[in-house]
């Protein structure tokens, strides 16, 4: 009985610890997914020209590459400063999406 209770508590503890680690990094990922959707929607509706959409997709890929590089250097984790830097990049890209979607260019 004690072994069963111990095993259940260990599994629960591991699940809590595992879910707490990526939560901080999920903000960046969630924002990137939303921005990719906004780019696709803008391209489908004609609010973004194909060139503008390519440019924005390049910016999104740059954030993904930077995050991957940061994670490789630090063993899969992001430091507080790295996370802040990524969030700043995502915010800049968000502003670029807004600016290009509202510049009155149509194709």
N, C-alpha and C. Protein backbone atom coordinates (compact mmCIF):
# COMPACT_ATOMS: atom_id res chain seq x y z
N UNK A 1 0.82 -1.19 0.00
CA UNK A 1 0.00 0.00 0.00
C UNK A 1 0.86 1.25 0.00
N UNK A 2 1.91 1.23 0.83
CA UNK A 2 2.79 2.39 0.90
C UNK A 2 3.48 2.62 -0.44
N UNK A 3 3.85 1.54 -1.11
CA UNK A 3 4.52 1.66 -2.40
C UNK A 3 3.58 2.28 -3.43
N UNK A 4 2.32 1.90 -3.38
CA UNK A 4 1.34 2.44 -4.32
C UNK A 4 1.14 3.94 -4.10
N UNK A 5 0.99 4.33 -2.85
CA UNK A 5 0.81 5.74 -2.53
C UNK A 5 2.05 6.53 -2.92
N UNK A 6 3.22 5.97 -2.65
CA UNK A 6 4.47 6.64 -3.01
C UNK A 6 4.58 6.79 -4.53
N UNK A 7 4.23 5.73 -5.27
CA UNK A 7 4.31 5.78 -6.73
C UNK A 7 3.35 6.83 -7.29
N UNK A 8 2.14 6.88 -6.75
CA UNK A 8 1.17 7.86 -7.22
C UNK A 8 1.63 9.28 -6.92
N UNK A 9 2.19 9.49 -5.74
CA UNK A 9 2.65 10.83 -5.40
C UNK A 9 3.85 11.23 -6.26
N UNK A 10 4.72 10.28 -6.59
CA UNK A 10 5.86 10.59 -7.46
C UNK A 10 5.40 10.95 -8.86
N UNK A 11 4.44 10.20 -9.38
CA UNK A 11 3.92 10.49 -10.72
C UNK A 11 3.25 11.86 -10.74
N UNK A 12 2.48 12.16 -9.71
CA UNK A 12 1.82 13.47 -9.63
C UNK A 12 2.85 14.58 -9.52
N UNK A 13 3.90 14.36 -8.73
CA UNK A 13 4.96 15.37 -8.58
C UNK A 13 5.71 15.62 -9.86
N UNK A 14 5.99 14.55 -10.59
CA UNK A 14 6.69 14.68 -11.87
C UNK A 14 5.80 15.43 -12.87
N UNK A 15 4.52 15.11 -12.88
CA UNK A 15 3.59 15.80 -13.80
C UNK A 15 3.51 17.28 -13.51
N UNK A 16 3.48 17.66 -12.24
CA UNK A 16 3.42 19.07 -11.87
C UNK A 16 4.72 19.76 -12.25
N UNK A 17 5.85 19.12 -11.99
CA UNK A 17 7.13 19.73 -12.31
C UNK A 17 7.30 19.87 -13.82
N UNK A 18 6.89 18.87 -14.56
CA UNK A 18 7.04 18.91 -16.02
C UNK A 18 6.13 19.96 -16.64
N UNK A 19 4.94 20.13 -16.09
CA UNK A 19 4.03 21.11 -16.67
C UNK A 19 4.41 22.54 -16.29
N UNK A 20 5.13 22.72 -15.20
CA UNK A 20 5.50 24.07 -14.76
C UNK A 20 6.64 24.63 -15.58
N UNK A 21 7.54 23.81 -16.05
CA UNK A 21 8.71 24.29 -16.78
C UNK A 21 8.34 24.94 -18.11
N UNK A 22 7.59 24.27 -18.99
CA UNK A 22 7.34 24.90 -20.28
C UNK A 22 6.29 26.00 -20.25
N UNK A 23 5.61 26.19 -19.13
CA UNK A 23 4.56 27.20 -19.08
C UNK A 23 5.10 28.59 -19.39
N UNK A 24 6.29 28.90 -18.91
CA UNK A 24 6.86 30.22 -19.16
C UNK A 24 7.20 30.40 -20.63
N UNK A 25 7.66 29.34 -21.27
CA UNK A 25 8.05 29.43 -22.67
C UNK A 25 6.84 29.33 -23.59
N UNK A 26 5.70 28.86 -23.09
CA UNK A 26 4.53 28.71 -23.94
C UNK A 26 3.96 30.03 -24.39
N UNK A 27 4.19 31.10 -23.63
CA UNK A 27 3.69 32.41 -24.05
C UNK A 27 4.24 32.78 -25.42
N UNK A 28 5.53 32.60 -25.60
CA UNK A 28 6.17 32.94 -26.88
C UNK A 28 5.60 32.05 -27.97
N UNK A 29 5.49 30.75 -27.69
CA UNK A 29 4.98 29.82 -28.70
C UNK A 29 3.53 30.15 -29.08
N UNK A 30 2.70 30.42 -28.07
CA UNK A 30 1.29 30.73 -28.31
C UNK A 30 1.16 32.00 -29.16
N UNK A 31 1.97 33.01 -28.87
CA UNK A 31 1.92 34.24 -29.65
C UNK A 31 2.36 34.00 -31.09
N UNK A 32 3.38 33.15 -31.26
CA UNK A 32 3.85 32.87 -32.61
C UNK A 32 2.77 32.16 -33.42
N UNK A 33 2.07 31.22 -32.81
CA UNK A 33 1.01 30.51 -33.52
C UNK A 33 -0.08 31.49 -33.94
N UNK A 34 -0.46 32.38 -33.05
CA UNK A 34 -1.49 33.37 -33.38
C UNK A 34 -1.03 34.29 -34.51
N UNK A 35 0.23 34.69 -34.46
CA UNK A 35 0.74 35.58 -35.50
C UNK A 35 0.79 34.88 -36.85
N UNK A 36 1.16 33.61 -36.86
CA UNK A 36 1.16 32.87 -38.12
C UNK A 36 -0.26 32.78 -38.69
N UNK A 37 -1.24 32.59 -37.82
CA UNK A 37 -2.63 32.57 -38.26
C UNK A 37 -3.03 33.93 -38.83
N UNK A 38 -2.62 35.00 -38.17
CA UNK A 38 -2.94 36.35 -38.66
C UNK A 38 -2.32 36.60 -40.03
N UNK A 39 -1.10 36.12 -40.22
CA UNK A 39 -0.43 36.29 -41.52
C UNK A 39 -1.20 35.53 -42.60
N UNK A 40 -1.56 34.28 -42.31
CA UNK A 40 -2.31 33.48 -43.29
C UNK A 40 -3.66 34.12 -43.61
N UNK A 41 -4.36 34.59 -42.57
CA UNK A 41 -5.65 35.23 -42.78
C UNK A 41 -5.50 36.50 -43.62
N UNK A 42 -4.47 37.29 -43.33
CA UNK A 42 -4.24 38.51 -44.08
C UNK A 42 -3.92 38.24 -45.54
N UNK A 43 -3.21 37.16 -45.78
CA UNK A 43 -2.87 36.80 -47.15
C UNK A 43 -4.12 36.30 -47.89
N UNK A 44 -4.96 35.52 -47.21
CA UNK A 44 -6.17 35.00 -47.85
C UNK A 44 -7.17 36.11 -48.15
N UNK A 45 -7.28 37.09 -47.27
CA UNK A 45 -8.24 38.16 -47.48
C UNK A 45 -7.72 39.26 -48.41
N UNK A 46 -6.44 39.25 -48.70
CA UNK A 46 -5.87 40.25 -49.58
C UNK A 46 -5.35 41.48 -48.86
N UNK A 47 -5.38 41.46 -47.54
CA UNK A 47 -4.86 42.61 -46.79
C UNK A 47 -3.34 42.63 -46.79
N UNK A 48 -2.72 41.49 -47.08
CA UNK A 48 -1.27 41.41 -47.20
C UNK A 48 -0.93 40.97 -48.62
N UNK A 49 0.03 41.63 -49.21
CA UNK A 49 0.51 41.19 -50.51
C UNK A 49 1.37 39.94 -50.29
N UNK A 50 1.62 39.16 -51.33
CA UNK A 50 2.47 37.99 -51.17
C UNK A 50 3.87 38.34 -50.66
N UNK A 51 4.40 39.47 -51.10
CA UNK A 51 5.73 39.89 -50.64
C UNK A 51 5.71 40.24 -49.16
N UNK A 52 4.66 40.92 -48.73
CA UNK A 52 4.53 41.26 -47.31
C UNK A 52 4.40 40.01 -46.46
N UNK A 53 3.61 39.05 -46.94
CA UNK A 53 3.43 37.80 -46.19
C UNK A 53 4.76 37.04 -46.08
N UNK A 54 5.52 37.00 -47.17
CA UNK A 54 6.84 36.33 -47.13
C UNK A 54 7.75 37.00 -46.12
N UNK A 55 7.75 38.30 -46.10
CA UNK A 55 8.58 39.06 -45.16
C UNK A 55 8.19 38.74 -43.72
N UNK A 56 6.91 38.71 -43.44
CA UNK A 56 6.45 38.42 -42.09
C UNK A 56 6.75 36.97 -41.70
N UNK A 57 6.63 36.05 -42.66
CA UNK A 57 6.97 34.66 -42.37
C UNK A 57 8.46 34.51 -42.09
N UNK A 58 9.27 35.31 -42.78
CA UNK A 58 10.71 35.30 -42.50
C UNK A 58 10.97 35.77 -41.07
N UNK A 59 10.27 36.81 -40.62
CA UNK A 59 10.45 37.31 -39.26
C UNK A 59 10.05 36.24 -38.23
N UNK A 60 8.96 35.52 -38.51
CA UNK A 60 8.53 34.45 -37.60
C UNK A 60 9.58 33.33 -37.55
N UNK A 61 10.12 32.99 -38.70
CA UNK A 61 11.16 31.94 -38.75
C UNK A 61 12.40 32.39 -37.99
N UNK A 62 12.71 33.67 -38.05
CA UNK A 62 13.87 34.19 -37.32
C UNK A 62 13.70 34.01 -35.82
N UNK A 63 12.48 34.25 -35.32
CA UNK A 63 12.22 34.06 -33.88
C UNK A 63 12.39 32.59 -33.52
N UNK A 64 11.84 31.69 -34.36
CA UNK A 64 11.97 30.25 -34.08
C UNK A 64 13.43 29.82 -34.08
N UNK A 65 14.21 30.31 -35.06
CA UNK A 65 15.64 29.96 -35.12
C UNK A 65 16.38 30.47 -33.89
N UNK A 66 16.08 31.70 -33.50
CA UNK A 66 16.74 32.29 -32.33
C UNK A 66 16.41 31.49 -31.08
N UNK A 67 15.15 31.12 -30.93
CA UNK A 67 14.76 30.34 -29.75
C UNK A 67 15.46 28.99 -29.75
N UNK A 68 15.52 28.33 -30.91
CA UNK A 68 16.18 27.04 -30.99
C UNK A 68 17.66 27.17 -30.63
N UNK A 69 18.31 28.20 -31.12
CA UNK A 69 19.72 28.42 -30.82
C UNK A 69 19.94 28.66 -29.33
N UNK A 70 19.06 29.47 -28.73
CA UNK A 70 19.17 29.74 -27.30
C UNK A 70 18.99 28.47 -26.48
N UNK A 71 18.02 27.65 -26.88
CA UNK A 71 17.79 26.40 -26.16
C UNK A 71 18.95 25.43 -26.31
N UNK A 72 19.56 25.40 -27.48
CA UNK A 72 20.69 24.50 -27.68
C UNK A 72 21.88 24.90 -26.81
N UNK A 73 22.09 26.19 -26.66
CA UNK A 73 23.22 26.67 -25.84
C UNK A 73 23.04 26.37 -24.36
N UNK A 74 21.79 26.41 -23.90
CA UNK A 74 21.58 26.29 -22.45
C UNK A 74 20.91 24.97 -22.07
N UNK A 75 21.07 23.95 -22.85
CA UNK A 75 20.56 22.64 -22.49
C UNK A 75 19.05 22.50 -22.54
N UNK A 76 18.37 23.21 -23.42
CA UNK A 76 16.94 23.06 -23.58
C UNK A 76 16.10 24.01 -22.76
N UNK A 77 16.72 24.83 -21.94
CA UNK A 77 15.97 25.77 -21.11
C UNK A 77 16.26 27.19 -21.55
N UNK A 78 15.34 28.07 -21.22
CA UNK A 78 15.54 29.49 -21.50
C UNK A 78 15.73 30.23 -20.19
N UNK A 79 16.71 31.12 -20.17
CA UNK A 79 16.88 31.96 -18.99
C UNK A 79 15.85 33.08 -19.04
N UNK A 80 15.73 33.79 -17.95
CA UNK A 80 14.79 34.91 -17.88
C UNK A 80 15.12 35.94 -18.95
N UNK A 81 16.40 36.27 -19.10
CA UNK A 81 16.81 37.29 -20.08
C UNK A 81 16.52 36.81 -21.51
N UNK A 82 16.76 35.53 -21.79
CA UNK A 82 16.49 35.00 -23.12
C UNK A 82 15.00 35.04 -23.42
N UNK A 83 14.19 34.68 -22.44
CA UNK A 83 12.75 34.71 -22.63
C UNK A 83 12.27 36.13 -22.92
N UNK A 84 12.81 37.10 -22.17
CA UNK A 84 12.44 38.50 -22.39
C UNK A 84 12.84 38.96 -23.80
N UNK A 85 14.01 38.52 -24.25
CA UNK A 85 14.48 38.90 -25.58
C UNK A 85 13.55 38.33 -26.66
N UNK A 86 13.16 37.06 -26.48
CA UNK A 86 12.23 36.44 -27.44
C UNK A 86 10.88 37.15 -27.43
N UNK A 87 10.39 37.48 -26.25
CA UNK A 87 9.11 38.18 -26.15
C UNK A 87 9.18 39.53 -26.83
N UNK A 88 10.32 40.22 -26.72
CA UNK A 88 10.48 41.51 -27.39
C UNK A 88 10.47 41.32 -28.91
N UNK A 89 11.11 40.26 -29.39
CA UNK A 89 11.11 39.98 -30.82
C UNK A 89 9.69 39.71 -31.31
N UNK A 90 8.94 38.94 -30.54
CA UNK A 90 7.57 38.61 -30.92
C UNK A 90 6.70 39.88 -30.94
N UNK A 91 6.90 40.75 -29.97
CA UNK A 91 6.13 42.01 -29.93
C UNK A 91 6.45 42.88 -31.14
N UNK A 92 7.72 42.94 -31.52
CA UNK A 92 8.10 43.72 -32.70
C UNK A 92 7.45 43.15 -33.96
N UNK A 93 7.47 41.81 -34.06
CA UNK A 93 6.84 41.17 -35.22
C UNK A 93 5.34 41.42 -35.24
N UNK A 94 4.74 41.43 -34.07
CA UNK A 94 3.31 41.70 -33.96
C UNK A 94 3.00 43.10 -34.49
N UNK A 95 3.83 44.07 -34.14
CA UNK A 95 3.64 45.44 -34.63
C UNK A 95 3.82 45.49 -36.14
N UNK A 96 4.78 44.71 -36.67
CA UNK A 96 5.01 44.69 -38.12
C UNK A 96 3.81 44.10 -38.85
N UNK A 97 3.20 43.06 -38.27
CA UNK A 97 2.01 42.47 -38.88
C UNK A 97 0.89 43.51 -38.94
N UNK A 98 0.67 44.19 -37.85
CA UNK A 98 -0.38 45.21 -37.81
C UNK A 98 -0.10 46.30 -38.85
N UNK A 99 1.13 46.77 -38.87
CA UNK A 99 1.50 47.86 -39.77
C UNK A 99 1.28 47.46 -41.23
N UNK A 100 1.69 46.24 -41.59
CA UNK A 100 1.56 45.81 -42.98
C UNK A 100 0.12 45.47 -43.35
N UNK A 101 -0.66 44.98 -42.39
CA UNK A 101 -2.05 44.66 -42.69
C UNK A 101 -2.90 45.92 -42.87
N UNK A 102 -2.46 47.03 -42.30
CA UNK A 102 -3.26 48.25 -42.35
C UNK A 102 -2.61 49.35 -43.20
N UNK A 103 -1.79 48.98 -44.16
CA UNK A 103 -1.12 50.00 -44.98
C UNK A 103 -1.84 50.29 -46.28
N UNK A 104 -3.06 49.80 -46.44
CA UNK A 104 -3.92 50.05 -47.59
C UNK A 104 -3.39 49.50 -48.91
N UNK A 105 -2.43 48.61 -48.84
CA UNK A 105 -1.98 47.94 -50.06
C UNK A 105 -2.81 46.69 -50.25
N UNK A 106 -3.19 46.46 -51.46
CA UNK A 106 -3.94 45.25 -51.81
C UNK A 106 -3.29 44.65 -53.05
N UNK A 107 -3.47 43.38 -53.24
CA UNK A 107 -2.96 42.77 -54.47
C UNK A 107 -4.10 42.28 -55.30
